[in-house]
Amino acid sequence: MVDSEEPALVDIDSERSEMGLPPASGDAPLTERVLDEIQEKTLVMAGIRAKVSAGCEGGQVTPKAGHKTLCTVIYQGVKLTWDVWVADVTGSGIVQLTRYNIYPPDSGVLLAKAVYGRFWDEHHKTAQELRCDRIPPLKTVTLGDDTGYECQYLDADDGSPRWVREKVFLETVGPVFGEIE
C-alpha cells in the first residue's frame, strides 16, 4: 500500500542544495564540472538524496577532442560509470572552452522509496488505493528496461472503478511508469 508522500524525493527540478550537493561552480576546472554534473545526474536518477562520491579514471577528464573518459559515482555502495566524451576543445590556456557529452551507465539504482514516492506524487490526487509490488530498498537494474515490478491504482473517475496497472522503469530522470494495456 502506498499511502503517503516521500519528502526526500529529488528530481530534475530539485536545487543542488536539496540534493545535499554544494553549489556548482561555473568556472571550475573541467573535471570538477563533470564530477558535479554526474553526481547530480546520479541523484536525479536514484530519486533519493544520499551522500555520493565521484572520480574519473586517470584522475581527470582529458580535454582532448574525441577522447572518452570513464567517471564513476558511488551511490550507497553501488558504482555507476558514466562515459564522458569530449566533443570539441577551442582556445588555449585560461580561455579554453571544452564541449563534452555525458552518457549514462547501462544500469542504475532503483530505490523502493523513490518508486513509491513518485507513484504517490503522480496519482494520489486522482486515484484511490495506490499500491506497488514489494521492491527491495535498493536494487541495480538496467536503464530503460522493464524492472519486473508493477504498481496499480484504483481509478474511479468514470463512475465504474477499475484497477490500472503500471510497469516500473528506471530512466535517467528516475523511476517512471508505463500503463499495461
C-alpha atoms as a PDB file:
ATOM      1  CA  MET A   1       0.000   0.000   0.000  1.00  0.00           C
ATOM      2  CA  VAL A   2       1.392   3.402  -0.990  1.00  0.00           C
ATOM      3  CA  ASP A   3      -0.275   5.834   1.362  1.00  0.00           C
ATOM      4  CA  SER A   4       1.973   8.866   1.820  1.00  0.00           C
ATOM      5  CA  GLU A   5       4.413  11.124   0.075  1.00  0.00           C
ATOM      6  CA  GLU A   6       8.184  10.706   0.221  1.00  0.00           C
ATOM      7  CA  PRO A   7       9.651  14.002   1.488  1.00  0.00           C
ATOM      8  CA  ALA A   8      13.240  13.118   0.490  1.00  0.00           C
ATOM      9  CA  LEU A   9      12.484  12.833  -3.257  1.00  0.00           C
ATOM     10  CA  VAL A  10      14.765  14.698  -5.633  1.00  0.00           C
ATOM     11  CA  ASP A  11      14.164  15.207  -9.325  1.00  0.00           C
ATOM     12  CA  ILE A  12      15.374  17.191 -12.301  1.00  0.00           C
ATOM     13  CA  ASP A  13      13.813  20.365 -10.834  1.00  0.00           C
ATOM     14  CA  SER A  14      15.499  19.998  -7.430  1.00  0.00           C
ATOM     15  CA  GLU A  15      18.142  22.505  -6.400  1.00  0.00           C
ATOM     16  CA  ARG A  16      21.643  21.167  -5.722  1.00  0.00           C
ATOM     17  CA  SER A  17      21.236  22.166  -2.049  1.00  0.00           C
ATOM     18  CA  GLU A  18      18.109  19.943  -1.829  1.00  0.00           C
ATOM     19  CA  MET A  19      20.246  17.073  -3.156  1.00  0.00           C
ATOM     20  CA  GLY A  20      22.870  17.653  -0.482  1.00  0.00           C
ATOM     21  CA  LEU A  21      25.399  18.954  -3.032  1.00  0.00           C
ATOM     22  CA  PRO A  22      27.428  22.164  -2.807  1.00  0.00           C
ATOM     23  CA  PRO A  23      26.653  24.926  -5.329  1.00  0.00           C
ATOM     24  CA  ALA A  24      28.129  24.237  -8.779  1.00  0.00           C
ATOM     25  CA  SER A  25      30.991  26.470  -9.792  1.00  0.00           C
ATOM     26  CA  GLY A  26      30.617  27.559 -13.409  1.00  0.00           C
ATOM     27  CA  ASP A  27      34.287  28.498 -13.674  1.00  0.00           C
ATOM     28  CA  ALA A  28      35.601  25.301 -12.060  1.00  0.00           C
ATOM     29  CA  PRO A  29      38.093  23.118 -13.955  1.00  0.00           C
ATOM     30  CA  LEU A  30      36.622  20.656 -16.498  1.00  0.00           C
ATOM     31  CA  THR A  31      36.975  17.556 -14.307  1.00  0.00           C
ATOM     32  CA  GLU A  32      35.312  19.261 -11.339  1.00  0.00           C
ATOM     33  CA  ARG A  33      32.397  20.423 -13.532  1.00  0.00           C
ATOM     34  CA  VAL A  34      31.935  16.906 -14.912  1.00  0.00           C
ATOM     35  CA  LEU A  35      32.065  15.331 -11.436  1.00  0.00           C
ATOM     36  CA  ASP A  36      29.492  17.860 -10.178  1.00  0.00           C
ATOM     37  CA  GLU A  37      27.239  17.069 -13.124  1.00  0.00           C
ATOM     38  CA  ILE A  38      27.387  13.271 -12.852  1.00  0.00           C
ATOM     39  CA  GLN A  39      26.781  13.365  -9.103  1.00  0.00           C
ATOM     40  CA  GLU A  40      23.692  15.484  -9.728  1.00  0.00           C
ATOM     41  CA  LYS A  41      22.528  13.187 -12.560  1.00  0.00           C
ATOM     42  CA  THR A  42      23.021  10.126 -10.326  1.00  0.00           C
ATOM     43  CA  LEU A  43      20.912  11.643  -7.530  1.00  0.00           C
ATOM     44  CA  VAL A  44      18.144  12.566 -10.005  1.00  0.00           C
ATOM     45  CA  MET A  45      18.164   9.004 -11.392  1.00  0.00           C
ATOM     46  CA  ALA A  46      18.069   7.441  -7.920  1.00  0.00           C
ATOM     47  CA  GLY A  47      15.399   9.905  -6.785  1.00  0.00           C
ATOM     48  CA  ILE A  48      16.516   9.950  -3.148  1.00  0.00           C
ATOM     49  CA  ARG A  49      19.123  12.207  -1.555  1.00  0.00           C
ATOM     50  CA  ALA A  50      22.227  10.368  -0.367  1.00  0.00           C
ATOM     51  CA  LYS A  51      25.918  11.018   0.095  1.00  0.00           C
ATOM     52  CA  VAL A  52      27.733  10.401  -3.182  1.00  0.00           C
ATOM     53  CA  SER A  53      31.365  10.457  -4.263  1.00  0.00           C
ATOM     54  CA  ALA A  54      32.863  10.530  -7.735  1.00  0.00           C
ATOM     55  CA  GLY A  55      36.113  10.198  -9.610  1.00  0.00           C
ATOM     56  CA  CYS A  56      37.439   9.697 -13.125  1.00  0.00           C
ATOM     57  CA  GLU A  57      39.903   7.155 -14.474  1.00  0.00           C
ATOM     58  CA  GLY A  58      43.337   8.721 -14.533  1.00  0.00           C
ATOM     59  CA  GLY A  59      42.104  11.313 -12.034  1.00  0.00           C
ATOM     60  CA  GLN A  60      40.736  13.718 -14.646  1.00  0.00           C
ATOM     61  CA  VAL A  61      38.733  14.243 -17.808  1.00  0.00           C
ATOM     62  CA  THR A  62      41.234  14.580 -20.651  1.00  0.00           C
ATOM     63  CA  PRO A  63      40.437  17.813 -22.540  1.00  0.00           C
ATOM     64  CA  LYS A  64      41.165  16.411 -25.992  1.00  0.00           C
ATOM     65  CA  ALA A  65      38.551  16.295 -28.795  1.00  0.00           C
ATOM     66  CA  GLY A  66      37.307  12.749 -29.413  1.00  0.00           C
ATOM     67  CA  HIS A  67      38.621  11.465 -26.085  1.00  0.00           C
ATOM     68  CA  LYS A  68      36.461   9.317 -23.805  1.00  0.00           C
ATOM     69  CA  THR A  69      36.921   9.252 -20.034  1.00  0.00           C
ATOM     70  CA  LEU A  70      35.061   6.909 -17.690  1.00  0.00           C
ATOM     71  CA  CYS A  71      33.907   8.621 -14.500  1.00  0.00           C
ATOM     72  CA  THR A  72      32.253   6.757 -11.651  1.00  0.00           C
ATOM     73  CA  VAL A  73      29.780   7.868  -8.999  1.00  0.00           C
ATOM     74  CA  ILE A  74      29.332   5.757  -5.878  1.00  0.00           C
ATOM     75  CA  TYR A  75      25.754   5.856  -4.580  1.00  0.00           C
ATOM     76  CA  GLN A  76      25.112   3.856  -1.398  1.00  0.00           C
ATOM     77  CA  GLY A  77      27.959   1.475  -2.260  1.00  0.00           C
ATOM     78  CA  VAL A  78      26.905   0.967  -5.915  1.00  0.00           C
ATOM     79  CA  LYS A  79      29.359   2.115  -8.611  1.00  0.00           C
ATOM     80  CA  LEU A  80      27.732   3.794 -11.621  1.00  0.00           C
ATOM     81  CA  THR A  81      30.065   4.553 -14.524  1.00  0.00           C
ATOM     82  CA  TRP A  82      29.290   7.447 -16.870  1.00  0.00           C
ATOM     83  CA  ASP A  83      31.012   7.932 -20.254  1.00  0.00           C
ATOM     84  CA  VAL A  84      32.340  11.452 -20.800  1.00  0.00           C
ATOM     85  CA  TRP A  85      33.100  12.257 -24.443  1.00  0.00           C
ATOM     86  CA  VAL A  86      34.961  15.444 -25.253  1.00  0.00           C
ATOM     87  CA  ALA A  87      33.388  16.762 -28.441  1.00  0.00           C
ATOM     88  CA  ASP A  88      35.433  19.883 -29.038  1.00  0.00           C
ATOM     89  CA  VAL A  89      38.172  21.990 -27.474  1.00  0.00           C
ATOM     90  CA  THR A  90      38.696  25.585 -28.593  1.00  0.00           C
ATOM     91  CA  GLY A  91      41.079  28.238 -27.371  1.00  0.00           C
ATOM     92  CA  SER A  92      44.054  27.636 -25.131  1.00  0.00           C
ATOM     93  CA  GLY A  93      45.385  28.367 -21.687  1.00  0.00           C
ATOM     94  CA  ILE A  94      42.977  30.220 -19.432  1.00  0.00           C
ATOM     95  CA  VAL A  95      40.414  30.779 -22.233  1.00  0.00           C
ATOM     96  CA  GLN A  96      39.943  27.144 -23.220  1.00  0.00           C
ATOM     97  CA  LEU A  97      36.382  26.037 -23.958  1.00  0.00           C
ATOM     98  CA  THR A  98      35.587  22.344 -23.835  1.00  0.00           C
ATOM     99  CA  ARG A  99      32.296  20.936 -25.118  1.00  0.00           C
ATOM    100  CA  TYR A 100      31.516  17.476 -23.808  1.00  0.00           C
ATOM    101  CA  ASN A 101      28.683  14.963 -23.660  1.00  0.00           C
ATOM    102  CA  ILE A 102      27.886  12.683 -20.760  1.00  0.00           C
ATOM    103  CA  TYR A 103      26.319   9.296 -21.440  1.00  0.00           C
ATOM    104  CA  PRO A 104      24.584   7.369 -18.642  1.00  0.00           C
ATOM    105  CA  PRO A 105      25.609   3.988 -17.300  1.00  0.00           C
ATOM    106  CA  ASP A 106      23.849   0.872 -18.619  1.00  0.00           C
ATOM    107  CA  SER A 107      22.310   0.323 -15.205  1.00  0.00           C
ATOM    108  CA  GLY A 108      21.192   2.441 -12.291  1.00  0.00           C
ATOM    109  CA  VAL A 109      19.865   2.134  -8.769  1.00  0.00           C
ATOM    110  CA  LEU A 110      16.157   1.522  -8.281  1.00  0.00           C
ATOM    111  CA  LEU A 111      15.056   2.549  -4.798  1.00  0.00           C
ATOM    112  CA  ALA A 112      11.765   1.392  -3.343  1.00  0.00           C
ATOM    113  CA  LYS A 113      11.242   4.744  -1.570  1.00  0.00           C
ATOM    114  CA  ALA A 114      11.721   6.618  -4.862  1.00  0.00           C
ATOM    115  CA  VAL A 115       9.263   4.367  -6.719  1.00  0.00           C
ATOM    116  CA  TYR A 116       6.610   4.627  -4.008  1.00  0.00           C
ATOM    117  CA  GLY A 117       7.142   8.394  -3.667  1.00  0.00           C
ATOM    118  CA  ARG A 118       6.906   9.079  -7.411  1.00  0.00           C
ATOM    119  CA  PHE A 119       3.846   6.856  -7.758  1.00  0.00           C
ATOM    120  CA  TRP A 120       2.190   8.749  -4.893  1.00  0.00           C
ATOM    121  CA  ASP A 121       3.085  12.113  -6.466  1.00  0.00           C
ATOM    122  CA  GLU A 122       1.637  11.091  -9.833  1.00  0.00           C
ATOM    123  CA  HIS A 123      -1.634   9.512  -8.699  1.00  0.00           C
ATOM    124  CA  HIS A 124      -2.706  10.413  -5.143  1.00  0.00           C
ATOM    125  CA  LYS A 125      -4.846  13.381  -6.227  1.00  0.00           C
ATOM    126  CA  THR A 126      -6.977  11.489  -8.756  1.00  0.00           C
ATOM    127  CA  ALA A 127      -6.878   7.841  -7.701  1.00  0.00           C
ATOM    128  CA  GLN A 128      -7.789   5.720  -4.726  1.00  0.00           C
ATOM    129  CA  GLU A 129      -5.836   2.850  -3.189  1.00  0.00           C
ATOM    130  CA  LEU A 130      -2.317   3.112  -4.541  1.00  0.00           C
ATOM    131  CA  ARG A 131      -0.152   0.032  -4.250  1.00  0.00           C
ATOM    132  CA  CYS A 132       3.088  -1.343  -5.625  1.00  0.00           C
ATOM    133  CA  ASP A 133       4.900  -4.653  -5.589  1.00  0.00           C
ATOM    134  CA  ARG A 134       7.296  -5.126  -2.714  1.00  0.00           C
ATOM    135  CA  ILE A 135      10.526  -3.679  -4.092  1.00  0.00           C
ATOM    136  CA  PRO A 136      13.917  -4.134  -2.393  1.00  0.00           C
ATOM    137  CA  PRO A 137      15.216  -0.979  -0.685  1.00  0.00           C
ATOM    138  CA  LEU A 138      17.955  -0.700  -3.360  1.00  0.00           C
ATOM    139  CA  LYS A 139      18.389  -2.798  -6.493  1.00  0.00           C
ATOM    140  CA  THR A 140      20.597  -2.366  -9.555  1.00  0.00           C
ATOM    141  CA  VAL A 141      18.510  -2.500 -12.761  1.00  0.00           C
ATOM    142  CA  THR A 142      19.111  -1.881 -16.469  1.00  0.00           C
ATOM    143  CA  LEU A 143      18.131   1.639 -17.520  1.00  0.00           C
ATOM    144  CA  GLY A 144      15.069   1.768 -19.761  1.00  0.00           C
ATOM    145  CA  ASP A 145      14.126  -1.899 -19.299  1.00  0.00           C
ATOM    146  CA  ASP A 146      11.062  -3.271 -17.529  1.00  0.00           C
ATOM    147  CA  THR A 147      12.196  -3.787 -13.919  1.00  0.00           C
ATOM    148  CA  GLY A 148       9.692  -6.601 -13.406  1.00  0.00           C
ATOM    149  CA  TYR A 149       7.834  -4.548 -10.795  1.00  0.00           C
ATOM    150  CA  GLU A 150       4.334  -3.114 -11.042  1.00  0.00           C
ATOM    151  CA  CYS A 151       2.243  -0.521  -9.291  1.00  0.00           C
ATOM    152  CA  GLN A 152      -1.507  -0.070  -9.515  1.00  0.00           C
ATOM    153  CA  TYR A 153      -4.212   2.326  -8.509  1.00  0.00           C
ATOM    154  CA  LEU A 154      -7.985   2.323  -8.361  1.00  0.00           C
ATOM    155  CA  ASP A 155      -9.368   4.740 -10.942  1.00  0.00           C
ATOM    156  CA  ALA A 156     -12.903   5.764 -10.003  1.00  0.00           C
ATOM    157  CA  ASP A 157     -13.260   8.811 -12.304  1.00  0.00           C
ATOM    158  CA  ASP A 158     -15.566   7.195 -14.883  1.00  0.00           C
ATOM    159  CA  GLY A 159     -18.119   6.017 -12.344  1.00  0.00           C
ATOM    160  CA  SER A 160     -17.178   2.347 -12.591  1.00  0.00           C
ATOM    161  CA  PRO A 161     -13.963   1.778 -10.620  1.00  0.00           C
ATOM    162  CA  ARG A 162     -11.164  -0.124 -12.354  1.00  0.00           C
ATOM    163  CA  TRP A 163      -7.644  -1.093 -11.387  1.00  0.00           C
ATOM    164  CA  VAL A 164      -4.961   0.471 -13.571  1.00  0.00           C
ATOM    165  CA  ARG A 165      -1.675  -1.451 -13.656  1.00  0.00           C
ATOM    166  CA  GLU A 166       1.617   0.230 -14.497  1.00  0.00           C
ATOM    167  CA  LYS A 167       5.069  -1.268 -15.078  1.00  0.00           C
ATOM    168  CA  VAL A 168       8.021   0.344 -13.311  1.00  0.00           C
ATOM    169  CA  PHE A 169      11.013   1.500 -15.364  1.00  0.00           C
ATOM    170  CA  LEU A 170      14.168   3.340 -14.361  1.00  0.00           C
ATOM    171  CA  GLU A 171      15.294   6.178 -16.623  1.00  0.00           C
ATOM    172  CA  THR A 172      17.910   8.903 -16.184  1.00  0.00           C
ATOM    173  CA  VAL A 173      15.098  11.088 -14.757  1.00  0.00           C
ATOM    174  CA  GLY A 174      14.317   8.466 -12.091  1.00  0.00           C
ATOM    175  CA  PRO A 175      11.502   5.914 -11.746  1.00  0.00           C
ATOM    176  CA  VAL A 176       8.812   6.178 -14.446  1.00  0.00           C
ATOM    177  CA  PHE A 177       5.628   4.228 -15.044  1.00  0.00           C
ATOM    178  CA  GLY A 178       4.007   2.793 -18.146  1.00  0.00           C
ATOM    179  CA  GLU A 179       0.379   1.648 -18.211  1.00  0.00           C
ATOM    180  CA  ILE A 180      -0.125  -2.030 -19.014  1.00  0.00           C
ATOM    181  CA  GLU A 181      -2.762  -2.389 -21.728  1.00  0.00           C
END
